[in-house]
Amino acid sequence: MPKKKYSKYVKTLEFKESRSDFYRQGLKLGPDFFGFDVQLELGTFIAPGRIGRNPGKPHTHNFDQVMMWLGVDTDDMGDLDAEIEVCLGEDLERHMITTSTAMFIPKGTPHYPATINRMDKRSFYIEISYTKNYSEKLFKTDKKAGDYATYMSKTRGMVQSIAFIRKGAWSYGAKNRDDSGGNLAFINGKGLKNDFLLMFESLKKAPYRFGPNPSVPHTHPMPEVLFFLGSDPNNMNELGGEAELALGKEKEIYVINKPTAVLCPDKFPHCPLTITKVDKPFFLMDCRPFGMMGKKDKMSDI
């Protein structure tokens, strides 16, 4: 079969086994993958313990960073069933994470050590770094891990609990009454130079079409990456269903049945997107590292 015009934008993901950092399976993607200066790490941990490249030591970056812990139970996506302790700020304030959570780390902000104190269930860990080349600088301090954070803590504004809502029929409006049976969360960057946005949605039944006008392609003024991910943290190389996506003005059709990332450069036509089969629930992660809209632009149908 002849190679399709936009196949370079559709990339199968391969999660590899690793025992470093207590990872069960994981992957790392960078500028060569995305085409812009962002690093993304995605994986799941296997056991409690200290995590990070320099366990037990705080560090800083000369770039912004987003860290997320996301539950994979599609019936209760806020539940981690774990206790993860992360230190933030010069006072090493300790934040205890027990539900799906995002942390927004502006460049130069000390963070870590981090410890998984208890883990009765595996979850996803996602780390996004706004840089071409990842690096850490140890933060020199005589302080040990500080007090547990409260709502009055200096670093509280860097932490966002992730709320999942039931995305039922009519959520897109009268032109699309489909219902995947799933839940959706919007995760917006706070205090970062980049207007970060990530949408994470569970898909539980098919057929299900995306968008307020599901039969029409559209564009965005900023780049977008669509991740199709399985929900089994013990086998992240299995998707559990099937999706059909059209790319380009030609509406070139791609069938997705494995964990996959689809790159949508700025102003690139994409959709319709339809979930055609669900053998077991899986996820769509819509990642927009530089935000959803330009200053004057809006999403436009074509």
Protein backbone atom coordinates (compact mmCIF):
# COMPACT_ATOMS: atom_id res chain seq x y z
CA MET A 1 0.00 0.00 0.00
CA PRO A 2 1.29 3.51 -0.79
CA LYS A 3 2.40 5.56 2.19
CA LYS A 4 -0.19 8.06 3.29
CA LYS A 5 0.52 11.78 3.11
CA TYR A 6 0.16 12.48 6.83
CA SER A 7 1.49 9.24 8.30
CA LYS A 8 4.46 11.16 9.76
CA TYR A 9 2.03 12.70 12.24
CA VAL A 10 0.69 9.34 13.50
CA LYS A 11 3.19 7.63 15.80
CA THR A 12 2.74 4.35 17.63
CA LEU A 13 3.93 4.55 21.24
CA GLU A 14 6.19 1.90 22.75
CA PHE A 15 6.29 1.62 26.53
CA LYS A 16 9.47 -0.06 27.71
CA GLU A 17 10.13 -2.01 30.89
CA SER A 18 12.44 -0.29 33.35
CA ARG A 19 13.40 -0.79 36.96
CA SER A 20 14.96 2.63 37.43
CA ASP A 21 12.92 5.13 39.44
CA PHE A 22 10.58 2.23 40.33
CA TYR A 23 9.06 2.43 36.83
CA ARG A 24 6.99 -0.50 35.62
CA GLN A 25 6.65 0.74 32.05
CA GLY A 26 7.40 4.15 30.60
CA LEU A 27 8.45 6.29 27.66
CA LYS A 28 10.26 9.57 27.07
CA LEU A 29 9.48 11.84 24.13
CA GLY A 30 11.38 14.97 23.09
CA PRO A 31 11.79 17.62 20.38
CA ASP A 32 12.70 15.03 17.73
CA PHE A 33 9.31 13.43 18.34
CA PHE A 34 7.15 16.56 18.70
CA GLY A 35 8.88 19.05 16.45
CA PHE A 36 9.00 21.68 19.21
CA ASP A 37 11.07 22.12 22.38
CA VAL A 38 9.11 20.05 24.87
CA GLN A 39 10.03 16.88 26.74
CA LEU A 40 7.33 14.48 27.94
CA GLU A 41 7.73 11.52 30.25
CA LEU A 42 4.87 9.10 30.86
CA GLY A 43 4.87 5.94 32.93
CA THR A 44 3.66 4.08 35.97
CA PHE A 45 5.47 3.17 39.18
CA ILE A 46 5.78 -0.37 40.49
CA ALA A 47 6.54 0.12 44.19
CA PRO A 48 6.78 2.73 46.98
CA GLY A 49 10.05 4.54 47.62
CA ARG A 50 12.05 7.64 46.77
CA ILE A 51 11.65 8.81 43.18
CA GLY A 52 13.62 11.17 40.94
CA ARG A 53 16.98 11.17 39.20
CA ASN A 54 18.71 12.26 42.44
CA PRO A 55 16.56 10.68 45.15
CA GLY A 56 16.48 12.59 48.41
CA LYS A 57 17.82 15.86 46.97
CA PRO A 58 15.93 19.00 45.87
CA HIS A 59 16.74 20.57 42.51
CA THR A 60 15.75 23.39 40.15
CA HIS A 61 15.38 23.79 36.38
CA ASN A 62 15.94 26.70 34.04
CA PHE A 63 12.60 25.87 32.39
CA ASP A 64 8.96 25.47 33.41
CA GLN A 65 7.68 22.03 34.26
CA VAL A 66 4.33 20.31 34.84
CA MET A 67 4.02 17.11 36.89
CA MET A 68 0.80 15.08 37.07
CA TRP A 69 -0.40 12.00 38.89
CA LEU A 70 -3.55 10.57 37.31
CA GLY A 71 -5.77 7.73 38.44
CA VAL A 72 -6.53 4.99 35.90
CA ASP A 73 -9.70 3.57 37.44
CA THR A 74 -12.24 4.63 34.83
CA ASP A 75 -15.03 4.37 37.42
CA ASP A 76 -13.22 6.68 39.87
CA MET A 77 -10.48 8.58 38.05
CA GLY A 78 -9.71 10.88 40.95
CA ASP A 79 -8.61 8.00 43.15
CA LEU A 80 -4.88 7.16 43.31
CA ASP A 81 -5.15 4.81 46.30
CA ALA A 82 -1.66 6.01 47.18
CA GLU A 83 0.18 8.60 49.26
CA ILE A 84 2.88 10.53 47.41
CA GLU A 85 4.89 13.17 49.25
CA VAL A 86 6.50 15.98 47.23
CA CYS A 87 8.53 18.92 48.60
CA LEU A 88 8.12 22.33 46.96
CA GLY A 89 9.78 25.72 47.40
CA GLU A 90 12.83 26.94 49.30
CA ASP A 91 11.29 25.81 52.59
CA LEU A 92 10.71 22.32 51.13
CA GLU A 93 7.04 22.40 52.09
CA ARG A 94 5.63 18.90 51.95
CA HIS A 95 2.53 18.20 49.85
CA MET A 96 0.77 14.87 50.31
CA ILE A 97 -0.90 13.69 47.11
CA THR A 98 -3.74 11.17 47.48
CA THR A 99 -5.96 12.08 44.50
CA SER A 100 -5.31 12.96 40.86
CA THR A 101 -3.15 16.07 41.03
CA ALA A 102 -1.14 18.47 38.87
CA MET A 103 1.87 20.51 40.01
CA PHE A 104 3.06 23.58 38.08
CA ILE A 105 6.75 24.29 38.68
CA PRO A 106 7.95 27.68 37.34
CA LYS A 107 11.60 27.72 36.34
CA GLY A 108 13.99 28.27 39.23
CA THR A 109 11.57 26.83 41.81
CA PRO A 110 13.15 24.21 44.12
CA HIS A 111 11.26 20.92 44.23
CA TYR A 112 11.74 17.38 45.51
CA PRO A 113 12.62 15.15 47.34
CA ALA A 114 9.58 13.05 46.43
CA THR A 115 8.54 9.77 48.01
CA ILE A 116 5.78 7.25 47.32
CA ASN A 117 4.91 6.39 50.92
CA ARG A 118 2.09 4.00 50.09
CA MET A 119 0.83 2.58 46.81
CA ASP A 120 -2.05 0.12 46.79
CA LYS A 121 -2.88 0.82 43.16
CA ARG A 122 -0.78 1.91 40.18
CA SER A 123 -1.46 5.21 38.44
CA PHE A 124 -0.02 7.33 35.63
CA TYR A 125 2.81 9.80 36.18
CA ILE A 126 3.20 12.47 33.49
CA GLU A 127 6.01 15.02 33.41
CA ILE A 128 6.19 17.82 30.83
CA SER A 129 9.31 20.00 30.60
CA TYR A 130 9.57 23.09 28.41
CA THR A 131 13.09 22.56 27.15
CA LYS A 132 15.10 21.08 24.31
CA ASN A 133 17.58 19.42 26.65
CA TYR A 134 16.58 18.24 30.12
CA SER A 135 18.89 19.18 33.00
CA GLU A 136 18.74 19.55 36.78
CA LYS A 137 20.69 21.78 39.17
CA LEU A 138 20.92 20.60 42.76
CA PHE A 139 19.43 23.11 45.21
CA LYS A 140 21.91 23.58 48.03
CA THR A 141 20.22 23.92 51.39
CA ASP A 142 20.69 22.82 54.98
CA LYS A 143 16.95 22.43 55.41
CA LYS A 144 15.26 19.07 55.68
CA ALA A 145 11.76 18.34 54.49
CA GLY A 146 9.56 21.08 55.97
CA ASP A 147 6.08 21.21 57.41
CA TYR A 148 3.11 19.67 55.65
CA ALA A 149 1.44 22.18 53.37
CA THR A 150 -1.89 23.80 54.20
CA TYR A 151 -4.12 26.19 52.24
CA MET A 152 -1.98 29.03 53.64
CA SER A 153 1.35 27.58 52.46
CA LYS A 154 3.58 29.55 50.09
CA THR A 155 3.54 26.84 47.43
CA ARG A 156 -0.14 25.91 47.65
CA GLY A 157 -0.92 27.80 44.43
CA MET A 158 1.39 25.48 42.48
CA VAL A 159 -0.78 22.46 43.26
CA GLN A 160 -4.10 21.73 41.55
CA SER A 161 -6.43 18.89 42.44
CA ILE A 162 -7.80 17.43 39.21
CA ALA A 163 -11.60 17.22 39.09
CA PHE A 164 -13.15 14.72 36.69
CA ILE A 165 -16.69 15.40 35.50
CA ARG A 166 -19.13 12.97 33.93
CA LYS A 167 -19.23 13.88 30.24
CA GLY A 168 -22.72 12.82 29.26
CA ALA A 169 -24.84 13.11 26.14
CA TRP A 170 -25.40 16.63 24.79
CA SER A 171 -22.15 17.86 26.38
CA TYR A 172 -21.08 19.15 22.95
CA GLY A 173 -24.49 20.58 22.12
CA ALA A 174 -27.39 19.74 19.82
CA LYS A 175 -25.25 18.65 16.84
CA ASN A 176 -23.49 15.92 18.84
CA ARG A 177 -25.50 13.99 21.41
CA ASP A 178 -23.04 11.08 21.72
CA ASP A 179 -22.05 9.69 25.10
CA SER A 180 -18.88 7.65 25.69
CA GLY A 181 -19.89 6.85 29.27
CA GLY A 182 -16.66 8.45 30.46
CA ASN A 183 -15.26 11.28 32.52
CA LEU A 184 -13.26 14.37 31.57
CA ALA A 185 -10.78 16.68 33.31
CA PHE A 186 -9.36 20.04 32.20
CA ILE A 187 -5.88 20.80 33.56
CA ASN A 188 -4.72 24.40 33.10
CA GLY A 189 -1.27 25.74 33.91
CA LYS A 190 -0.99 28.22 36.77
CA GLY A 191 1.96 30.56 37.14
CA LEU A 192 3.71 29.27 34.02
CA LYS A 193 4.99 31.33 31.12
CA ASN A 194 3.27 28.92 28.74
CA ASP A 195 -0.52 28.69 28.65
CA PHE A 196 -0.55 24.93 29.27
CA LEU A 197 -3.73 22.90 28.76
CA LEU A 198 -4.32 19.17 29.01
CA MET A 199 -7.64 17.35 28.67
CA PHE A 200 -7.87 13.76 29.87
CA GLU A 201 -10.96 11.72 29.03
CA SER A 202 -12.01 8.12 29.63
CA LEU A 203 -13.79 6.27 26.83
CA LYS A 204 -16.11 3.46 27.86
CA LYS A 205 -18.45 2.81 24.94
CA ALA A 206 -18.74 3.30 21.19
CA PRO A 207 -19.58 4.72 18.74
CA TYR A 208 -18.64 8.14 20.06
CA ARG A 209 -17.80 11.27 18.05
CA PHE A 210 -15.79 14.26 19.24
CA GLY A 211 -16.57 17.93 18.80
CA PRO A 212 -19.59 20.22 18.63
CA ASN A 213 -19.72 19.68 14.87
CA PRO A 214 -18.47 16.07 14.67
CA SER A 215 -18.51 15.63 10.88
CA VAL A 216 -16.43 18.72 10.07
CA PRO A 217 -12.61 19.12 10.31
CA HIS A 218 -11.22 22.03 12.30
CA THR A 219 -7.91 23.74 13.06
CA HIS A 220 -6.24 25.36 16.08
CA PRO A 221 -3.81 28.28 16.17
CA MET A 222 -1.53 26.31 18.51
CA PRO A 223 -0.05 22.77 18.19
CA GLU A 224 -1.95 19.86 19.70
CA VAL A 225 -0.97 16.26 20.45
CA LEU A 226 -3.64 13.57 20.79
CA PHE A 227 -2.57 10.58 22.88
CA PHE A 228 -4.58 7.36 22.75
CA LEU A 229 -3.66 5.39 25.90
CA GLY A 230 -4.74 2.10 27.45
CA SER A 231 -6.04 2.01 31.01
CA ASP A 232 -4.11 -1.04 32.23
CA PRO A 233 -0.93 0.13 34.02
CA ASN A 234 0.36 -3.46 33.91
CA ASN A 235 0.30 -3.50 30.10
CA MET A 236 0.53 0.00 28.68
CA ASN A 237 1.24 -1.33 25.18
CA GLU A 238 -2.39 -2.42 24.81
CA LEU A 239 -5.04 0.13 23.85
CA GLY A 240 -8.25 -1.82 24.39
CA GLY A 241 -10.25 -0.30 21.55
CA GLU A 242 -10.23 1.44 18.19
CA ALA A 243 -10.57 4.98 16.86
CA GLU A 244 -10.86 6.47 13.38
CA LEU A 245 -9.33 9.88 12.71
CA ALA A 246 -9.28 12.04 9.57
CA LEU A 247 -6.25 14.26 8.89
CA GLY A 248 -5.69 17.08 6.43
CA LYS A 249 -8.09 18.81 4.06
CA GLU A 250 -8.23 15.52 2.18
CA LYS A 251 -9.67 13.81 5.30
CA GLU A 252 -7.11 11.04 5.05
CA ILE A 253 -8.35 8.24 7.32
CA TYR A 254 -6.22 6.60 10.02
CA VAL A 255 -7.38 3.66 12.15
CA ILE A 256 -5.84 3.65 15.64
CA ASN A 257 -5.85 0.40 17.62
CA LYS A 258 -2.58 0.69 19.55
CA PRO A 259 -1.29 3.33 21.97
CA THR A 260 -0.60 6.23 19.63
CA ALA A 261 0.28 9.92 19.52
CA VAL A 262 -1.13 12.05 16.72
CA LEU A 263 0.66 15.34 16.10
CA CYS A 264 -1.49 18.24 14.91
CA PRO A 265 0.71 21.24 14.04
CA ASP A 266 -0.77 24.70 14.35
CA LYS A 267 -3.46 25.39 11.73
CA PHE A 268 -3.44 21.73 10.59
CA PRO A 269 -6.91 20.36 9.70
CA HIS A 270 -7.97 17.31 11.69
CA CYS A 271 -11.16 15.38 12.55
CA PRO A 272 -13.71 13.88 12.35
CA LEU A 273 -12.58 11.65 15.24
CA THR A 274 -14.76 8.68 16.14
CA ILE A 275 -14.31 5.97 18.74
CA THR A 276 -15.45 2.90 16.81
CA LYS A 277 -14.79 0.09 19.30
CA VAL A 278 -14.22 -0.28 23.05
CA ASP A 279 -13.19 -3.73 24.26
CA LYS A 280 -12.18 -2.24 27.59
CA PRO A 281 -12.05 1.42 28.64
CA PHE A 282 -9.17 3.52 27.36
CA PHE A 283 -8.13 7.18 27.40
CA LEU A 284 -7.76 10.15 25.09
CA MET A 285 -5.22 12.68 26.37
CA ASP A 286 -5.36 15.97 24.47
CA CYS A 287 -2.12 17.84 25.23
CA ARG A 288 -1.68 21.49 24.20
CA PRO A 289 1.67 22.62 25.65
CA PHE A 290 1.24 26.22 24.49
CA GLY A 291 -2.45 26.59 25.22
CA MET A 292 -5.67 26.30 23.32
CA MET A 293 -6.03 29.63 21.57
CA GLY A 294 -3.87 32.45 20.29
CA LYS A 295 -4.51 35.97 21.51
CA LYS A 296 -7.02 36.68 18.76
CA ASP A 297 -7.54 33.32 17.08
CA LYS A 298 -10.20 30.76 17.81
CA MET A 299 -10.79 27.16 16.81
CA SER A 300 -12.22 27.23 13.33
CA ASP A 301 -14.15 24.70 11.26
CA ILE A 302 -13.00 24.26 7.69
